[in-house]
Amino acid sequence: MAEYWQPTAQGYFARVSKQPALDAVAEGSTKEAADNLARLKKDELAKEAEKALKDTGWLPAILRMA
């Protein structure tokens, strides 16, 4: 699934609350990256989270294979 889907600002991060977005960055990138984004407002956070997870293969739990 990671080959076909990317977490984007419009398609994913704008639709989840701030904490799940930060959790995604911490999981798919680093905790430090997530901590750096924590101060941002939601729309800017969504854009930066997209950049942080671009091409990492990170998927939300619902899209992961068991």
PDB file of N, CA and C in Angstrom:
ATOM      1  N   MET A   1       0.823  -1.198   0.000  1.00  0.00           N
ATOM      2  CA  MET A   1       0.000   0.000   0.000  1.00  0.00           C
ATOM      3  C   MET A   1       0.868   1.263   0.000  1.00  0.00           C
ATOM      4  N   ALA A   2       2.012   1.208   0.650  1.00  0.00           N
ATOM      5  CA  ALA A   2       2.893   2.377   0.729  1.00  0.00           C
ATOM      6  C   ALA A   2       3.383   2.819  -0.651  1.00  0.00           C
ATOM      7  N   GLU A   3       3.365   1.908  -1.607  1.00  0.00           N
ATOM      8  CA  GLU A   3       3.772   2.262  -2.967  1.00  0.00           C
ATOM      9  C   GLU A   3       2.731   3.130  -3.672  1.00  0.00           C
ATOM     10  N   TYR A   4       1.494   3.081  -3.195  1.00  0.00           N
ATOM     11  CA  TYR A   4       0.393   3.748  -3.879  1.00  0.00           C
ATOM     12  C   TYR A   4      -0.189   4.938  -3.136  1.00  0.00           C
ATOM     13  N   TRP A   5       0.121   5.074  -1.870  1.00  0.00           N
ATOM     14  CA  TRP A   5      -0.515   6.114  -1.059  1.00  0.00           C
ATOM     15  C   TRP A   5       0.535   6.904  -0.298  1.00  0.00           C
ATOM     16  N   GLN A   6       0.384   8.212  -0.292  1.00  0.00           N
ATOM     17  CA  GLN A   6       1.261   9.102   0.461  1.00  0.00           C
ATOM     18  C   GLN A   6       0.403   9.951   1.392  1.00  0.00           C
ATOM     19  N   PRO A   7       0.852  10.179   2.624  1.00  0.00           N
ATOM     20  CA  PRO A   7       0.118  11.077   3.510  1.00  0.00           C
ATOM     21  C   PRO A   7       0.376  12.523   3.099  1.00  0.00           C
ATOM     22  N   THR A   8      -0.630  13.181   2.569  1.00  0.00           N
ATOM     23  CA  THR A   8      -0.469  14.560   2.102  1.00  0.00           C
ATOM     24  C   THR A   8      -1.189  15.522   3.035  1.00  0.00           C
ATOM     25  N   ALA A   9      -0.856  16.785   2.894  1.00  0.00           N
ATOM     26  CA  ALA A   9      -1.504  17.816   3.709  1.00  0.00           C
ATOM     27  C   ALA A   9      -3.003  17.819   3.454  1.00  0.00           C
ATOM     28  N   GLN A  10      -3.402  17.824   2.213  1.00  0.00           N
ATOM     29  CA  GLN A  10      -4.831  17.871   1.860  1.00  0.00           C
ATOM     30  C   GLN A  10      -5.540  16.547   2.094  1.00  0.00           C
ATOM     31  N   GLY A  11      -4.897  15.457   1.739  1.00  0.00           N
ATOM     32  CA  GLY A  11      -5.557  14.167   1.767  1.00  0.00           C
ATOM     33  C   GLY A  11      -5.582  13.481   3.119  1.00  0.00           C
ATOM     34  N   TYR A  12      -4.662  13.837   4.009  1.00  0.00           N
ATOM     35  CA  TYR A  12      -4.632  13.162   5.297  1.00  0.00           C
ATOM     36  C   TYR A  12      -4.508  14.140   6.469  1.00  0.00           C
ATOM     37  N   PHE A  13      -3.445  14.919   6.492  1.00  0.00           N
ATOM     38  CA  PHE A  13      -3.154  15.731   7.673  1.00  0.00           C
ATOM     39  C   PHE A  13      -4.177  16.828   7.945  1.00  0.00           C
ATOM     40  N   ALA A  14      -4.835  17.333   6.938  1.00  0.00           N
ATOM     41  CA  ALA A  14      -5.882  18.331   7.163  1.00  0.00           C
ATOM     42  C   ALA A  14      -7.131  17.694   7.766  1.00  0.00           C
ATOM     43  N   ARG A  15      -7.228  16.382   7.696  1.00  0.00           N
ATOM     44  CA  ARG A  15      -8.423  15.674   8.150  1.00  0.00           C
ATOM     45  C   ARG A  15      -8.286  15.024   9.524  1.00  0.00           C
ATOM     46  N   VAL A  16      -7.077  15.023  10.060  1.00  0.00           N
ATOM     47  CA  VAL A  16      -6.874  14.487  11.414  1.00  0.00           C
ATOM     48  C   VAL A  16      -6.527  15.633  12.342  1.00  0.00           C
ATOM     49  N   SER A  17      -6.735  15.427  13.630  1.00  0.00           N
ATOM     50  CA  SER A  17      -6.398  16.479  14.589  1.00  0.00           C
ATOM     51  C   SER A  17      -4.875  16.589  14.721  1.00  0.00           C
ATOM     52  N   LYS A  18      -4.463  17.589  15.443  1.00  0.00           N
ATOM     53  CA  LYS A  18      -3.043  17.907  15.555  1.00  0.00           C
ATOM     54  C   LYS A  18      -2.229  16.761  16.173  1.00  0.00           C
ATOM     55  N   GLN A  19      -2.736  16.152  17.245  1.00  0.00           N
ATOM     56  CA  GLN A  19      -1.960  15.113  17.929  1.00  0.00           C
ATOM     57  C   GLN A  19      -1.715  13.885  17.056  1.00  0.00           C
ATOM     58  N   PRO A  20      -2.704  13.365  16.334  1.00  0.00           N
ATOM     59  CA  PRO A  20      -2.401  12.239  15.439  1.00  0.00           C
ATOM     60  C   PRO A  20      -1.396  12.614  14.339  1.00  0.00           C
ATOM     61  N   ALA A  21      -1.423  13.838  13.887  1.00  0.00           N
ATOM     62  CA  ALA A  21      -0.438  14.280  12.887  1.00  0.00           C
ATOM     63  C   ALA A  21       0.961  14.273  13.489  1.00  0.00           C
ATOM     64  N   LEU A  22       1.080  14.777  14.711  1.00  0.00           N
ATOM     65  CA  LEU A  22       2.382  14.781  15.384  1.00  0.00           C
ATOM     66  C   LEU A  22       2.854  13.363  15.677  1.00  0.00           C
ATOM     67  N   ASP A  23       1.931  12.504  16.065  1.00  0.00           N
ATOM     68  CA  ASP A  23       2.274  11.099  16.314  1.00  0.00           C
ATOM     69  C   ASP A  23       2.778  10.429  15.036  1.00  0.00           C
ATOM     70  N   ALA A  24       2.173  10.752  13.917  1.00  0.00           N
ATOM     71  CA  ALA A  24       2.592  10.183  12.634  1.00  0.00           C
ATOM     72  C   ALA A  24       4.019  10.608  12.298  1.00  0.00           C
ATOM     73  N   VAL A  25       4.322  11.876  12.506  1.00  0.00           N
ATOM     74  CA  VAL A  25       5.676  12.369  12.220  1.00  0.00           C
ATOM     75  C   VAL A  25       6.679  11.708  13.161  1.00  0.00           C
ATOM     76  N   ALA A  26       6.330  11.586  14.429  1.00  0.00           N
ATOM     77  CA  ALA A  26       7.231  10.936  15.384  1.00  0.00           C
ATOM     78  C   ALA A  26       7.493   9.484  14.990  1.00  0.00           C
ATOM     79  N   GLU A  27       6.460   8.804  14.524  1.00  0.00           N
ATOM     80  CA  GLU A  27       6.590   7.402  14.138  1.00  0.00           C
ATOM     81  C   GLU A  27       7.320   7.225  12.814  1.00  0.00           C
ATOM     82  N   GLY A  28       6.996   8.056  11.842  1.00  0.00           N
ATOM     83  CA  GLY A  28       7.560   7.897  10.505  1.00  0.00           C
ATOM     84  C   GLY A  28       8.860   8.630  10.257  1.00  0.00           C
ATOM     85  N   SER A  29       9.165   9.578  11.110  1.00  0.00           N
ATOM     86  CA  SER A  29      10.403  10.345  10.981  1.00  0.00           C
ATOM     87  C   SER A  29      11.149  10.235  12.308  1.00  0.00           C
ATOM     88  N   THR A  30      11.087  11.295  13.121  1.00  0.00           N
ATOM     89  CA  THR A  30      11.711  11.265  14.448  1.00  0.00           C
ATOM     90  C   THR A  30      10.849  12.028  15.444  1.00  0.00           C
ATOM     91  N   LYS A  31      11.038  11.729  16.713  1.00  0.00           N
ATOM     92  CA  LYS A  31      10.331  12.458  17.758  1.00  0.00           C
ATOM     93  C   LYS A  31      10.749  13.926  17.746  1.00  0.00           C
ATOM     94  N   GLU A  32      12.001  14.181  17.463  1.00  0.00           N
ATOM     95  CA  GLU A  32      12.497  15.555  17.412  1.00  0.00           C
ATOM     96  C   GLU A  32      11.798  16.342  16.301  1.00  0.00           C
ATOM     97  N   ALA A  33      11.586  15.699  15.162  1.00  0.00           N
ATOM     98  CA  ALA A  33      10.875  16.359  14.065  1.00  0.00           C
ATOM     99  C   ALA A  33       9.461  16.717  14.494  1.00  0.00           C
ATOM    100  N   ALA A  34       8.795  15.791  15.181  1.00  0.00           N
ATOM    101  CA  ALA A  34       7.444  16.045  15.668  1.00  0.00           C
ATOM    102  C   ALA A  34       7.442  17.170  16.695  1.00  0.00           C
ATOM    103  N   ASP A  35       8.411  17.163  17.595  1.00  0.00           N
ATOM    104  CA  ASP A  35       8.507  18.225  18.605  1.00  0.00           C
ATOM    105  C   ASP A  35       8.684  19.590  17.947  1.00  0.00           C
ATOM    106  N   ASN A  36       9.441  19.645  16.875  1.00  0.00           N
ATOM    107  CA  ASN A  36       9.653  20.909  16.159  1.00  0.00           C
ATOM    108  C   ASN A  36       8.380  21.409  15.490  1.00  0.00           C
ATOM    109  N   LEU A  37       7.485  20.502  15.127  1.00  0.00           N
ATOM    110  CA  LEU A  37       6.242  20.892  14.464  1.00  0.00           C
ATOM    111  C   LEU A  37       5.122  21.227  15.445  1.00  0.00           C
ATOM    112  N   ALA A  38       5.282  20.851  16.687  1.00  0.00           N
ATOM    113  CA  ALA A  38       4.215  20.988  17.682  1.00  0.00           C
ATOM    114  C   ALA A  38       3.753  22.435  17.877  1.00  0.00           C
ATOM    115  N   ARG A  39       4.609  23.377  17.656  1.00  0.00           N
ATOM    116  CA  ARG A  39       4.259  24.783  17.874  1.00  0.00           C
ATOM    117  C   ARG A  39       3.477  25.396  16.712  1.00  0.00           C
ATOM    118  N   LEU A  40       3.405  24.695  15.596  1.00  0.00           N
ATOM    119  CA  LEU A  40       2.762  25.235  14.400  1.00  0.00           C
ATOM    120  C   LEU A  40       1.241  25.150  14.485  1.00  0.00           C
ATOM    121  N   LYS A  41       0.597  26.061  13.767  1.00  0.00           N
ATOM    122  CA  LYS A  41      -0.862  25.983  13.624  1.00  0.00           C
ATOM    123  C   LYS A  41      -1.186  24.830  12.683  1.00  0.00           C
ATOM    124  N   LYS A  42      -2.423  24.378  12.733  1.00  0.00           N
ATOM    125  CA  LYS A  42      -2.851  23.162  12.035  1.00  0.00           C
ATOM    126  C   LYS A  42      -2.519  23.160  10.542  1.00  0.00           C
ATOM    127  N   ASP A  43      -2.803  24.230   9.820  1.00  0.00           N
ATOM    128  CA  ASP A  43      -2.563  24.215   8.370  1.00  0.00           C
ATOM    129  C   ASP A  43      -1.083  24.138   8.036  1.00  0.00           C
ATOM    130  N   GLU A  44      -0.257  24.842   8.784  1.00  0.00           N
ATOM    131  CA  GLU A  44       1.184  24.788   8.550  1.00  0.00           C
ATOM    132  C   GLU A  44       1.744  23.437   8.992  1.00  0.00           C
ATOM    133  N   LEU A  45       1.223  22.902  10.068  1.00  0.00           N
ATOM    134  CA  LEU A  45       1.619  21.583  10.545  1.00  0.00           C
ATOM    135  C   LEU A  45       1.340  20.529   9.474  1.00  0.00           C
ATOM    136  N   ALA A  46       0.185  20.609   8.845  1.00  0.00           N
ATOM    137  CA  ALA A  46      -0.174  19.649   7.799  1.00  0.00           C
ATOM    138  C   ALA A  46       0.836  19.682   6.655  1.00  0.00           C
ATOM    139  N   LYS A  47       1.230  20.862   6.235  1.00  0.00           N
ATOM    140  CA  LYS A  47       2.203  20.992   5.140  1.00  0.00           C
ATOM    141  C   LYS A  47       3.565  20.433   5.537  1.00  0.00           C
ATOM    142  N   GLU A  48       3.996  20.753   6.746  1.00  0.00           N
ATOM    143  CA  GLU A  48       5.306  20.300   7.199  1.00  0.00           C
ATOM    144  C   GLU A  48       5.322  18.797   7.484  1.00  0.00           C
ATOM    145  N   ALA A  49       4.218  18.275   7.980  1.00  0.00           N
ATOM    146  CA  ALA A  49       4.121  16.835   8.217  1.00  0.00           C
ATOM    147  C   ALA A  49       4.212  16.081   6.888  1.00  0.00           C
ATOM    148  N   GLU A  50       3.562  16.617   5.867  1.00  0.00           N
ATOM    149  CA  GLU A  50       3.661  15.995   4.536  1.00  0.00           C
ATOM    150  C   GLU A  50       5.107  15.928   4.093  1.00  0.00           C
ATOM    151  N   LYS A  51       5.836  17.032   4.251  1.00  0.00           N
ATOM    152  CA  LYS A  51       7.251  17.054   3.866  1.00  0.00           C
ATOM    153  C   LYS A  51       8.061  16.046   4.681  1.00  0.00           C
ATOM    154  N   ALA A  52       7.793  15.979   5.977  1.00  0.00           N
ATOM    155  CA  ALA A  52       8.558  15.095   6.859  1.00  0.00           C
ATOM    156  C   ALA A  52       8.358  13.621   6.512  1.00  0.00           C
ATOM    157  N   LEU A  53       7.179  13.272   6.012  1.00  0.00           N
ATOM    158  CA  LEU A  53       6.880  11.867   5.743  1.00  0.00           C
ATOM    159  C   LEU A  53       6.933  11.486   4.267  1.00  0.00           C
ATOM    160  N   LYS A  54       7.268  12.432   3.428  1.00  0.00           N
ATOM    161  CA  LYS A  54       7.340  12.154   1.988  1.00  0.00           C
ATOM    162  C   LYS A  54       8.326  11.019   1.716  1.00  0.00           C
ATOM    163  N   ASP A  55       7.862  10.033   0.993  1.00  0.00           N
ATOM    164  CA  ASP A  55       8.670   8.891   0.563  1.00  0.00           C
ATOM    165  C   ASP A  55       9.252   8.066   1.706  1.00  0.00           C
ATOM    166  N   THR A  56       8.632   8.101   2.885  1.00  0.00           N
ATOM    167  CA  THR A  56       9.114   7.278   3.996  1.00  0.00           C
ATOM    168  C   THR A  56       8.405   5.932   4.047  1.00  0.00           C
ATOM    169  N   GLY A  57       7.266   5.820   3.370  1.00  0.00           N
ATOM    170  CA  GLY A  57       6.492   4.592   3.417  1.00  0.00           C
ATOM    171  C   GLY A  57       5.576   4.509   4.621  1.00  0.00           C
ATOM    172  N   TRP A  58       5.497   5.590   5.397  1.00  0.00           N
ATOM    173  CA  TRP A  58       4.628   5.586   6.580  1.00  0.00           C
ATOM    174  C   TRP A  58       3.176   5.473   6.148  1.00  0.00           C
ATOM    175  N   LEU A  59       2.429   4.651   6.870  1.00  0.00           N
ATOM    176  CA  LEU A  59       0.995   4.476   6.647  1.00  0.00           C
ATOM    177  C   LEU A  59       0.259   4.576   7.972  1.00  0.00           C
ATOM    178  N   PRO A  60      -0.942   5.145   7.975  1.00  0.00           N
ATOM    179  CA  PRO A  60      -1.748   5.098   9.191  1.00  0.00           C
ATOM    180  C   PRO A  60      -2.130   3.643   9.484  1.00  0.00           C
ATOM    181  N   ALA A  61      -2.395   3.365  10.739  1.00  0.00           N
ATOM    182  CA  ALA A  61      -2.652   1.992  11.176  1.00  0.00           C
ATOM    183  C   ALA A  61      -3.720   1.299  10.350  1.00  0.00           C
ATOM    184  N   ILE A  62      -4.751   2.014   9.955  1.00  0.00           N
ATOM    185  CA  ILE A  62      -5.853   1.396   9.211  1.00  0.00           C
ATOM    186  C   ILE A  62      -5.429   0.901   7.817  1.00  0.00           C
ATOM    187  N   LEU A  63      -4.342   1.430   7.287  1.00  0.00           N
ATOM    188  CA  LEU A  63      -3.879   1.014   5.957  1.00  0.00           C
ATOM    189  C   LEU A  63      -2.749  -0.020   6.004  1.00  0.00           C
ATOM    190  N   ARG A  64      -2.290  -0.330   7.183  1.00  0.00           N
ATOM    191  CA  ARG A  64      -1.201  -1.307   7.309  1.00  0.00           C
ATOM    192  C   ARG A  64      -1.751  -2.717   7.201  1.00  0.00           C
ATOM    193  N   MET A  65      -0.977  -3.577   6.600  1.00  0.00           N
ATOM    194  CA  MET A  65      -1.341  -4.986   6.502  1.00  0.00           C
ATOM    195  C   MET A  65      -1.018  -5.669   7.812  1.00  0.00           C
ATOM    196  N   ALA A  66      -1.818  -6.587   8.206  1.00  0.00           N
ATOM    197  CA  ALA A  66      -1.597  -7.320   9.462  1.00  0.00           C
ATOM    198  C   ALA A  66      -0.522  -8.366   9.280  1.00  0.00           C
TER     199      ALA A  66
END
